[in-house]
Amino acid sequence: MFLIVAGVARPAATQPKRIQHAEDALTLIAERIVEAQARGGPYAPELIDPLKTLSVLYQERGDYAREAAVLEQAMQVIRANFGLRSLEQAPLIRQRIRGAEAIGNFAEAWDLEKAFVSLAEKHPDDLRTVPILHEIGDKRMALLERYLAGERPPQLILGCYYEPPLGLPN
């Protein structure tokens, strides 16, 4: 394996340790994913953890497109094993929201937040929804504080903050 560093191809043995470690981690995760798929198919529950780990590695690299793709794949595996509206997908939705915000895609982040709240509302008796609702409430309060301080965050336009109440004309 060769890596181009500052325009020079270096053998893997001479790569900087940090880069080599990241490449080794990706290789190990890829092997775990292939093994899990070979044993249990494309929706094997054993895929969930390596896919989560892979998404975090992509996030750390700033590769948000790949992170989102891997998270979507992990969510499909969770939905196939635990149901379409299971709370097991909450950490993945939270990570997707952060990824969308990191690249400035506030429209996607807003849509994901609405799905996040909707998921929590489907489980009113499950205490795992408390941190979800608390987190969203804190974000909305921070948004209000920014607005009151004179800012005009894009989330205000994306949200229903400017829509009139039901039944009233625009």
N, C-alpha and C. Protein backbone atom coordinates (compact mmCIF):
# COMPACT_ATOMS: atom_id res chain seq x y z
N MET A 1 0.85 -1.17 0.00
CA MET A 1 0.00 0.00 0.00
C MET A 1 0.89 1.23 0.00
N PHE A 2 0.56 2.21 -0.83
CA PHE A 2 1.30 3.45 -0.91
C PHE A 2 0.37 4.60 -0.57
N LEU A 3 0.93 5.64 -0.01
CA LEU A 3 0.18 6.83 0.34
C LEU A 3 0.93 8.03 -0.20
N ILE A 4 0.20 8.96 -0.80
CA ILE A 4 0.82 10.18 -1.30
C ILE A 4 0.82 11.20 -0.16
N VAL A 5 1.99 11.59 0.29
CA VAL A 5 2.13 12.59 1.35
C VAL A 5 3.00 13.70 0.79
N ALA A 6 2.46 14.91 0.73
CA ALA A 6 3.18 16.07 0.22
C ALA A 6 3.76 15.79 -1.16
N GLY A 7 2.97 15.08 -1.99
CA GLY A 7 3.38 14.83 -3.37
C GLY A 7 4.36 13.69 -3.54
N VAL A 8 4.72 12.99 -2.46
CA VAL A 8 5.68 11.90 -2.54
C VAL A 8 4.98 10.60 -2.15
N ALA A 9 5.10 9.57 -2.99
CA ALA A 9 4.53 8.27 -2.66
C ALA A 9 5.43 7.58 -1.65
N ARG A 10 4.86 7.17 -0.53
CA ARG A 10 5.62 6.49 0.51
C ARG A 10 5.02 5.11 0.73
N PRO A 11 5.85 4.11 0.96
CA PRO A 11 5.30 2.81 1.33
C PRO A 11 4.57 2.90 2.66
N ALA A 12 3.62 2.00 2.87
CA ALA A 12 2.82 2.03 4.10
C ALA A 12 3.70 1.98 5.34
N ALA A 13 4.83 1.28 5.27
CA ALA A 13 5.70 1.15 6.45
C ALA A 13 6.28 2.49 6.87
N THR A 14 6.40 3.46 5.95
CA THR A 14 6.99 4.74 6.31
C THR A 14 5.95 5.85 6.46
N GLN A 15 4.68 5.49 6.43
CA GLN A 15 3.63 6.48 6.60
C GLN A 15 3.68 7.03 8.02
N PRO A 16 3.26 8.28 8.19
CA PRO A 16 3.16 8.79 9.56
C PRO A 16 2.23 7.89 10.37
N LYS A 17 2.55 7.70 11.66
CA LYS A 17 1.80 6.75 12.50
C LYS A 17 0.31 7.08 12.56
N ARG A 18 -0.04 8.35 12.63
CA ARG A 18 -1.45 8.72 12.73
C ARG A 18 -2.23 8.30 11.49
N ILE A 19 -1.65 8.55 10.31
CA ILE A 19 -2.32 8.17 9.06
C ILE A 19 -2.38 6.67 8.95
N GLN A 20 -1.28 6.01 9.29
CA GLN A 20 -1.24 4.56 9.20
C GLN A 20 -2.26 3.95 10.15
N HIS A 21 -2.39 4.51 11.36
CA HIS A 21 -3.37 4.01 12.33
C HIS A 21 -4.79 4.15 11.79
N ALA A 22 -5.10 5.28 11.19
CA ALA A 22 -6.44 5.49 10.64
C ALA A 22 -6.71 4.50 9.51
N GLU A 23 -5.72 4.28 8.66
CA GLU A 23 -5.89 3.31 7.57
C GLU A 23 -6.06 1.90 8.11
N ASP A 24 -5.30 1.56 9.16
CA ASP A 24 -5.44 0.24 9.78
C ASP A 24 -6.83 0.08 10.38
N ALA A 25 -7.34 1.13 11.02
CA ALA A 25 -8.67 1.07 11.61
C ALA A 25 -9.73 0.86 10.53
N LEU A 26 -9.60 1.60 9.43
CA LEU A 26 -10.55 1.42 8.32
C LEU A 26 -10.51 0.00 7.77
N THR A 27 -9.31 -0.54 7.64
CA THR A 27 -9.16 -1.90 7.13
C THR A 27 -9.81 -2.90 8.06
N LEU A 28 -9.57 -2.76 9.36
CA LEU A 28 -10.17 -3.69 10.33
C LEU A 28 -11.70 -3.60 10.32
N ILE A 29 -12.21 -2.40 10.27
CA ILE A 29 -13.67 -2.23 10.25
C ILE A 29 -14.25 -2.82 8.97
N ALA A 30 -13.61 -2.58 7.85
CA ALA A 30 -14.08 -3.14 6.58
C ALA A 30 -14.11 -4.67 6.64
N GLU A 31 -13.09 -5.26 7.25
CA GLU A 31 -13.06 -6.72 7.40
C GLU A 31 -14.21 -7.21 8.27
N ARG A 32 -14.48 -6.50 9.37
CA ARG A 32 -15.60 -6.88 10.24
C ARG A 32 -16.93 -6.79 9.50
N ILE A 33 -17.09 -5.75 8.68
CA ILE A 33 -18.33 -5.57 7.93
C ILE A 33 -18.51 -6.71 6.92
N VAL A 34 -17.45 -7.03 6.19
CA VAL A 34 -17.51 -8.11 5.20
C VAL A 34 -17.82 -9.44 5.87
N GLU A 35 -17.18 -9.72 7.01
CA GLU A 35 -17.43 -10.97 7.74
C GLU A 35 -18.89 -11.04 8.21
N ALA A 36 -19.39 -9.95 8.77
CA ALA A 36 -20.77 -9.94 9.27
C ALA A 36 -21.76 -10.13 8.13
N GLN A 37 -21.50 -9.51 6.99
CA GLN A 37 -22.39 -9.68 5.84
C GLN A 37 -22.32 -11.10 5.32
N ALA A 38 -21.15 -11.69 5.31
CA ALA A 38 -21.00 -13.06 4.82
C ALA A 38 -21.76 -14.04 5.72
N ARG A 39 -21.73 -13.79 7.04
CA ARG A 39 -22.41 -14.69 7.96
C ARG A 39 -23.91 -14.46 8.02
N GLY A 40 -24.34 -13.19 8.06
CA GLY A 40 -25.75 -12.92 8.32
C GLY A 40 -26.50 -12.16 7.25
N GLY A 41 -25.84 -11.82 6.16
CA GLY A 41 -26.51 -11.08 5.10
C GLY A 41 -26.40 -9.58 5.28
N PRO A 42 -27.04 -8.83 4.38
CA PRO A 42 -26.89 -7.36 4.40
C PRO A 42 -27.55 -6.67 5.59
N TYR A 43 -28.41 -7.37 6.31
CA TYR A 43 -29.09 -6.76 7.46
C TYR A 43 -28.75 -7.46 8.77
N ALA A 44 -27.61 -8.11 8.81
CA ALA A 44 -27.19 -8.81 10.03
C ALA A 44 -27.02 -7.83 11.18
N PRO A 45 -27.54 -8.14 12.35
CA PRO A 45 -27.41 -7.24 13.49
C PRO A 45 -25.95 -6.96 13.86
N GLU A 46 -25.06 -7.89 13.52
CA GLU A 46 -23.64 -7.71 13.81
C GLU A 46 -23.02 -6.56 13.02
N LEU A 47 -23.73 -6.04 12.04
CA LEU A 47 -23.24 -4.92 11.24
C LEU A 47 -23.37 -3.58 11.94
N ILE A 48 -24.25 -3.50 12.91
CA ILE A 48 -24.56 -2.21 13.52
C ILE A 48 -23.33 -1.55 14.14
N ASP A 49 -22.62 -2.27 14.99
CA ASP A 49 -21.47 -1.65 15.67
C ASP A 49 -20.35 -1.26 14.71
N PRO A 50 -19.94 -2.13 13.77
CA PRO A 50 -18.88 -1.67 12.86
C PRO A 50 -19.31 -0.51 11.97
N LEU A 51 -20.58 -0.47 11.59
CA LEU A 51 -21.05 0.66 10.78
C LEU A 51 -21.03 1.95 11.60
N LYS A 52 -21.42 1.87 12.87
CA LYS A 52 -21.35 3.05 13.73
C LYS A 52 -19.91 3.53 13.86
N THR A 53 -19.00 2.60 14.08
CA THR A 53 -17.58 2.95 14.22
C THR A 53 -17.05 3.58 12.94
N LEU A 54 -17.42 3.00 11.80
CA LEU A 54 -16.98 3.53 10.52
C LEU A 54 -17.50 4.95 10.32
N SER A 55 -18.75 5.19 10.71
CA SER A 55 -19.31 6.53 10.55
C SER A 55 -18.55 7.55 11.40
N VAL A 56 -18.13 7.15 12.61
CA VAL A 56 -17.37 8.06 13.47
C VAL A 56 -16.01 8.36 12.84
N LEU A 57 -15.38 7.36 12.25
CA LEU A 57 -14.09 7.60 11.59
C LEU A 57 -14.25 8.58 10.43
N TYR A 58 -15.30 8.42 9.66
CA TYR A 58 -15.55 9.35 8.56
C TYR A 58 -15.83 10.75 9.11
N GLN A 59 -16.57 10.83 10.21
CA GLN A 59 -16.86 12.13 10.81
C GLN A 59 -15.57 12.81 11.27
N GLU A 60 -14.70 12.06 11.89
CA GLU A 60 -13.43 12.61 12.37
C GLU A 60 -12.56 13.12 11.22
N ARG A 61 -12.69 12.48 10.07
CA ARG A 61 -11.94 12.91 8.88
C ARG A 61 -12.60 14.08 8.18
N GLY A 62 -13.82 14.41 8.57
CA GLY A 62 -14.55 15.48 7.90
C GLY A 62 -15.20 15.03 6.61
N ASP A 63 -15.33 13.73 6.42
CA ASP A 63 -15.95 13.16 5.22
C ASP A 63 -17.43 12.92 5.53
N TYR A 64 -18.19 14.02 5.53
CA TYR A 64 -19.58 13.96 5.98
C TYR A 64 -20.50 13.23 5.01
N ALA A 65 -20.18 13.22 3.74
CA ALA A 65 -21.01 12.50 2.77
C ALA A 65 -20.94 10.99 3.04
N ARG A 66 -19.73 10.50 3.24
CA ARG A 66 -19.59 9.06 3.54
C ARG A 66 -20.17 8.74 4.91
N GLU A 67 -19.99 9.64 5.85
CA GLU A 67 -20.56 9.42 7.18
C GLU A 67 -22.07 9.26 7.08
N ALA A 68 -22.72 10.15 6.33
CA ALA A 68 -24.18 10.09 6.19
C ALA A 68 -24.61 8.79 5.50
N ALA A 69 -23.86 8.37 4.49
CA ALA A 69 -24.20 7.13 3.78
C ALA A 69 -24.08 5.92 4.70
N VAL A 70 -23.02 5.88 5.49
CA VAL A 70 -22.83 4.75 6.41
C VAL A 70 -23.89 4.78 7.50
N LEU A 71 -24.22 5.96 8.00
CA LEU A 71 -25.27 6.06 9.01
C LEU A 71 -26.61 5.60 8.47
N GLU A 72 -26.90 5.95 7.24
CA GLU A 72 -28.16 5.50 6.62
C GLU A 72 -28.18 3.98 6.50
N GLN A 73 -27.05 3.40 6.13
CA GLN A 73 -26.97 1.94 6.05
C GLN A 73 -27.17 1.32 7.43
N ALA A 74 -26.56 1.89 8.45
CA ALA A 74 -26.73 1.38 9.81
C ALA A 74 -28.18 1.51 10.26
N MET A 75 -28.83 2.61 9.90
CA MET A 75 -30.25 2.78 10.27
C MET A 75 -31.12 1.74 9.57
N GLN A 76 -30.78 1.40 8.33
CA GLN A 76 -31.54 0.37 7.63
C GLN A 76 -31.40 -0.99 8.34
N VAL A 77 -30.20 -1.28 8.81
CA VAL A 77 -29.98 -2.53 9.54
C VAL A 77 -30.77 -2.52 10.85
N ILE A 78 -30.76 -1.39 11.55
CA ILE A 78 -31.52 -1.29 12.80
C ILE A 78 -33.01 -1.44 12.53
N ARG A 79 -33.50 -0.77 11.49
CA ARG A 79 -34.93 -0.87 11.17
C ARG A 79 -35.32 -2.30 10.81
N ALA A 80 -34.45 -2.99 10.09
CA ALA A 80 -34.74 -4.37 9.69
C ALA A 80 -34.78 -5.30 10.90
N ASN A 81 -34.00 -4.99 11.93
CA ASN A 81 -33.91 -5.88 13.08
C ASN A 81 -34.79 -5.47 14.26
N PHE A 82 -35.06 -4.18 14.41
CA PHE A 82 -35.79 -3.70 15.58
C PHE A 82 -37.10 -2.99 15.25
N GLY A 83 -37.35 -2.73 13.98
CA GLY A 83 -38.57 -2.05 13.59
C GLY A 83 -38.31 -0.65 13.05
N LEU A 84 -39.28 -0.15 12.31
CA LEU A 84 -39.13 1.14 11.63
C LEU A 84 -39.02 2.32 12.59
N ARG A 85 -39.64 2.21 13.74
CA ARG A 85 -39.68 3.34 14.65
C ARG A 85 -39.04 3.01 16.00
N SER A 86 -37.96 2.25 15.96
CA SER A 86 -37.30 1.86 17.21
C SER A 86 -36.37 2.97 17.69
N LEU A 87 -36.26 3.08 18.97
CA LEU A 87 -35.39 4.09 19.56
C LEU A 87 -33.91 3.74 19.42
N GLU A 88 -33.61 2.53 18.97
CA GLU A 88 -32.21 2.14 18.76
C GLU A 88 -31.55 3.02 17.70
N GLN A 89 -32.35 3.64 16.84
CA GLN A 89 -31.77 4.50 15.81
C GLN A 89 -31.54 5.94 16.28
N ALA A 90 -31.95 6.26 17.49
CA ALA A 90 -31.81 7.64 18.00
C ALA A 90 -30.36 8.14 17.98
N PRO A 91 -29.37 7.37 18.45
CA PRO A 91 -28.00 7.90 18.40
C PRO A 91 -27.52 8.19 16.97
N LEU A 92 -28.00 7.40 16.02
CA LEU A 92 -27.60 7.61 14.63
C LEU A 92 -28.25 8.88 14.06
N ILE A 93 -29.49 9.11 14.41
CA ILE A 93 -30.16 10.33 13.96
C ILE A 93 -29.46 11.55 14.56
N ARG A 94 -29.10 11.45 15.84
CA ARG A 94 -28.39 12.54 16.51
C ARG A 94 -27.07 12.83 15.78
N GLN A 95 -26.35 11.79 15.40
CA GLN A 95 -25.09 11.97 14.70
C GLN A 95 -25.31 12.57 13.32
N ARG A 96 -26.37 12.16 12.64
CA ARG A 96 -26.68 12.74 11.32
C ARG A 96 -27.02 14.22 11.44
N ILE A 97 -27.72 14.60 12.49
CA ILE A 97 -28.04 16.02 12.71
C ILE A 97 -26.75 16.81 12.87
N ARG A 98 -25.84 16.31 13.69
CA ARG A 98 -24.57 17.01 13.91
C ARG A 98 -23.76 17.11 12.62
N GLY A 99 -23.78 16.06 11.81
CA GLY A 99 -23.06 16.09 10.54
C GLY A 99 -23.64 17.11 9.59
N ALA A 100 -24.97 17.17 9.53
CA ALA A 100 -25.62 18.15 8.65
C ALA A 100 -25.32 19.58 9.12
N GLU A 101 -25.34 19.79 10.42
CA GLU A 101 -25.02 21.12 10.95
C GLU A 101 -23.56 21.48 10.69
N ALA A 102 -22.68 20.49 10.77
CA ALA A 102 -21.25 20.75 10.58
C ALA A 102 -20.94 21.26 9.17
N ILE A 103 -21.72 20.81 8.19
CA ILE A 103 -21.48 21.28 6.82
C ILE A 103 -22.40 22.43 6.44
N GLY A 104 -23.20 22.89 7.40
CA GLY A 104 -24.07 24.04 7.15
C GLY A 104 -25.36 23.69 6.42
N ASN A 105 -25.72 22.42 6.41
CA ASN A 105 -26.96 22.00 5.76
C ASN A 105 -28.08 22.02 6.81
N PHE A 106 -28.54 23.23 7.11
CA PHE A 106 -29.52 23.40 8.18
C PHE A 106 -30.90 22.89 7.78
N ALA A 107 -31.21 22.83 6.50
CA ALA A 107 -32.49 22.29 6.06
C ALA A 107 -32.56 20.80 6.39
N GLU A 108 -31.50 20.07 6.07
CA GLU A 108 -31.48 18.64 6.40
C GLU A 108 -31.48 18.44 7.91
N ALA A 109 -30.71 19.24 8.62
CA ALA A 109 -30.66 19.12 10.08
C ALA A 109 -32.05 19.36 10.67
N TRP A 110 -32.78 20.34 10.13
CA TRP A 110 -34.13 20.62 10.63
C TRP A 110 -35.06 19.44 10.37
N ASP A 111 -34.99 18.87 9.17
CA ASP A 111 -35.82 17.71 8.85
C ASP A 111 -35.49 16.53 9.75
N LEU A 112 -34.21 16.33 10.00
CA LEU A 112 -33.80 15.24 10.89
C LEU A 112 -34.26 15.49 12.32
N GLU A 113 -34.21 16.74 12.76
CA GLU A 113 -34.70 17.06 14.11
C GLU A 113 -36.19 16.77 14.23
N LYS A 114 -36.96 17.11 13.20
CA LYS A 114 -38.40 16.82 13.23
C LYS A 114 -38.62 15.31 13.31
N ALA A 115 -37.84 14.54 12.55
CA ALA A 115 -37.95 13.07 12.60
C ALA A 115 -37.54 12.55 13.98
N PHE A 116 -36.55 13.19 14.58
CA PHE A 116 -36.06 12.82 15.90
C PHE A 116 -37.15 13.01 16.95
N VAL A 117 -37.81 14.16 16.91
CA VAL A 117 -38.90 14.44 17.84
C VAL A 117 -40.07 13.49 17.59
N SER A 118 -40.38 13.26 16.34
CA SER A 118 -41.46 12.34 15.99
C SER A 118 -41.18 10.93 16.52
N LEU A 119 -39.93 10.50 16.41
CA LEU A 119 -39.55 9.19 16.93
C LEU A 119 -39.76 9.15 18.44
N ALA A 120 -39.36 10.20 19.13
CA ALA A 120 -39.53 10.25 20.58
C ALA A 120 -41.02 10.24 20.95
N GLU A 121 -41.82 10.95 20.19
CA GLU A 121 -43.26 11.01 20.48
C GLU A 121 -43.95 9.67 20.29
N LYS A 122 -43.38 8.80 19.50
CA LYS A 122 -43.97 7.47 19.28
C LYS A 122 -43.73 6.54 20.47
N HIS A 123 -42.89 6.97 21.41
CA HIS A 123 -42.55 6.16 22.59
C HIS A 123 -42.74 6.98 23.86
N PRO A 124 -43.98 7.42 24.14
CA PRO A 124 -44.20 8.32 25.28
C PRO A 124 -43.88 7.70 26.64
N ASP A 125 -43.87 6.38 26.74
CA ASP A 125 -43.62 5.74 28.04
C ASP A 125 -42.19 5.25 28.19
N ASP A 126 -41.35 5.52 27.23
CA ASP A 126 -39.97 5.06 27.26
C ASP A 126 -39.07 6.19 27.74
N LEU A 127 -38.35 5.96 28.82
CA LEU A 127 -37.50 7.00 29.40
C LEU A 127 -36.32 7.38 28.51
N ARG A 128 -36.02 6.57 27.50
CA ARG A 128 -34.93 6.92 26.59
C ARG A 128 -35.28 8.15 25.75
N THR A 129 -36.54 8.56 25.75
CA THR A 129 -36.93 9.74 24.99
C THR A 129 -36.61 11.04 25.74
N VAL A 130 -36.42 10.95 27.04
CA VAL A 130 -36.17 12.14 27.84
C VAL A 130 -34.95 12.92 27.33
N PRO A 131 -33.78 12.27 27.12
CA PRO A 131 -32.64 13.04 26.62
C PRO A 131 -32.87 13.62 25.22
N ILE A 132 -33.66 12.93 24.41
CA ILE A 132 -33.96 13.43 23.06
C ILE A 132 -34.73 14.74 23.16
N LEU A 133 -35.81 14.72 23.92
CA LEU A 133 -36.65 15.91 24.04
C LEU A 133 -35.91 17.04 24.77
N HIS A 134 -35.10 16.68 25.74
CA HIS A 134 -34.31 17.68 26.47
C HIS A 134 -33.31 18.34 25.52
N GLU A 135 -32.64 17.54 24.73
CA GLU A 135 -31.65 18.08 23.78
C GLU A 135 -32.30 19.01 22.76
N ILE A 136 -33.42 18.60 22.20
CA ILE A 136 -34.10 19.44 21.21
C ILE A 136 -34.62 20.71 21.87
N GLY A 137 -35.15 20.59 23.08
CA GLY A 137 -35.61 21.77 23.81
C GLY A 137 -34.47 22.75 24.07
N ASP A 138 -33.31 22.24 24.46
CA ASP A 138 -32.16 23.10 24.69
C ASP A 138 -31.72 23.81 23.41
N LYS A 139 -31.76 23.08 22.30
CA LYS A 139 -31.37 23.69 21.02
C LYS A 139 -32.34 24.79 20.63
N ARG A 140 -33.63 24.56 20.86
CA ARG A 140 -34.63 25.58 20.52
C ARG A 140 -34.50 26.80 21.42
N MET A 141 -34.18 26.59 22.69
CA MET A 141 -33.97 27.73 23.59
C MET A 141 -32.73 28.51 23.19
N ALA A 142 -31.68 27.82 22.78
CA ALA A 142 -30.46 28.50 22.32
C ALA A 142 -30.76 29.31 21.05
N LEU A 143 -31.61 28.76 20.20
CA LEU A 143 -32.01 29.46 18.99
C LEU A 143 -32.79 30.73 19.35
N LEU A 144 -33.69 30.63 20.30
CA LEU A 144 -34.44 31.79 20.75
C LEU A 144 -33.51 32.85 21.34
N GLU A 145 -32.54 32.43 22.13
CA GLU A 145 -31.58 33.38 22.70
C GLU A 145 -30.79 34.09 21.61
N ARG A 146 -30.39 33.35 20.59
CA ARG A 146 -29.67 33.97 19.47
C ARG A 146 -30.55 34.99 18.77
N TYR A 147 -31.82 34.65 18.59
CA TYR A 147 -32.76 35.56 17.94
C TYR A 147 -32.95 36.83 18.77
N LEU A 148 -33.12 36.65 20.07
CA LEU A 148 -33.31 37.79 20.96
C LEU A 148 -32.07 38.67 21.04
N ALA A 149 -30.90 38.07 20.75
CA ALA A 149 -29.65 38.83 20.74
C ALA A 149 -29.43 39.56 19.41
N GLY A 150 -30.38 39.43 18.49
CA GLY A 150 -30.29 40.15 17.22
C GLY A 150 -29.83 39.33 16.03
N GLU A 151 -29.52 38.06 16.23
CA GLU A 151 -29.12 37.21 15.11
C GLU A 151 -30.35 36.74 14.35
N ARG A 152 -30.13 36.30 13.15
CA ARG A 152 -31.19 35.71 12.33
C ARG A 152 -30.72 34.34 11.82
N PRO A 153 -30.67 33.34 12.72
CA PRO A 153 -30.19 32.03 12.32
C PRO A 153 -31.06 31.43 11.22
N PRO A 154 -30.46 30.66 10.31
CA PRO A 154 -31.24 30.06 9.21
C PRO A 154 -32.32 29.11 9.71
N GLN A 155 -32.15 28.55 10.90
CA GLN A 155 -33.14 27.63 11.42
C GLN A 155 -34.50 28.30 11.64
N LEU A 156 -34.50 29.62 11.86
CA LEU A 156 -35.77 30.33 12.06
C LEU A 156 -36.64 30.27 10.82
N ILE A 157 -36.00 30.36 9.67
CA ILE A 157 -36.76 30.34 8.42
C ILE A 157 -37.17 28.92 8.08
N LEU A 158 -36.32 27.95 8.41
CA LEU A 158 -36.61 26.56 8.09
C LEU A 158 -37.70 26.00 8.98
N GLY A 159 -37.75 26.44 10.22
CA GLY A 159 -38.73 25.93 11.16
C GLY A 159 -40.09 26.53 10.91
N CYS A 160 -41.00 26.18 11.74
CA CYS A 160 -42.36 26.69 11.58
C CYS A 160 -42.55 27.99 12.34
N TYR A 161 -41.45 28.66 12.67
CA TYR A 161 -41.53 29.85 13.49
C TYR A 161 -42.26 31.01 12.79
N TYR A 162 -42.22 31.05 11.46
CA TYR A 162 -42.86 32.14 10.74
C TYR A 162 -44.22 31.75 10.16
N GLU A 163 -44.60 30.50 10.33
CA GLU A 163 -45.89 30.07 9.79
C GLU A 163 -47.01 30.51 10.73
N PRO A 164 -48.12 30.97 10.16
CA PRO A 164 -49.24 31.36 11.03
C PRO A 164 -49.89 30.12 11.64
N PRO A 165 -50.57 30.27 12.74
CA PRO A 165 -51.26 29.13 13.33
C PRO A 165 -52.26 28.54 12.34
N LEU A 166 -52.59 27.30 12.54
CA LEU A 166 -53.53 26.61 11.65
C LEU A 166 -54.83 27.40 11.52
N GLY A 167 -55.32 27.47 10.32
CA GLY A 167 -56.58 28.12 10.06
C GLY A 167 -56.49 29.62 9.82
N LEU A 168 -55.35 30.23 10.08
CA LEU A 168 -55.20 31.65 9.84
C LEU A 168 -54.51 31.90 8.51
N PRO A 169 -54.92 32.93 7.78
CA PRO A 169 -54.26 33.21 6.48
C PRO A 169 -52.87 33.78 6.68
N ASN A 170 -52.06 33.66 5.62
CA ASN A 170 -50.70 34.22 5.66
C ASN A 170 -50.71 35.72 5.63
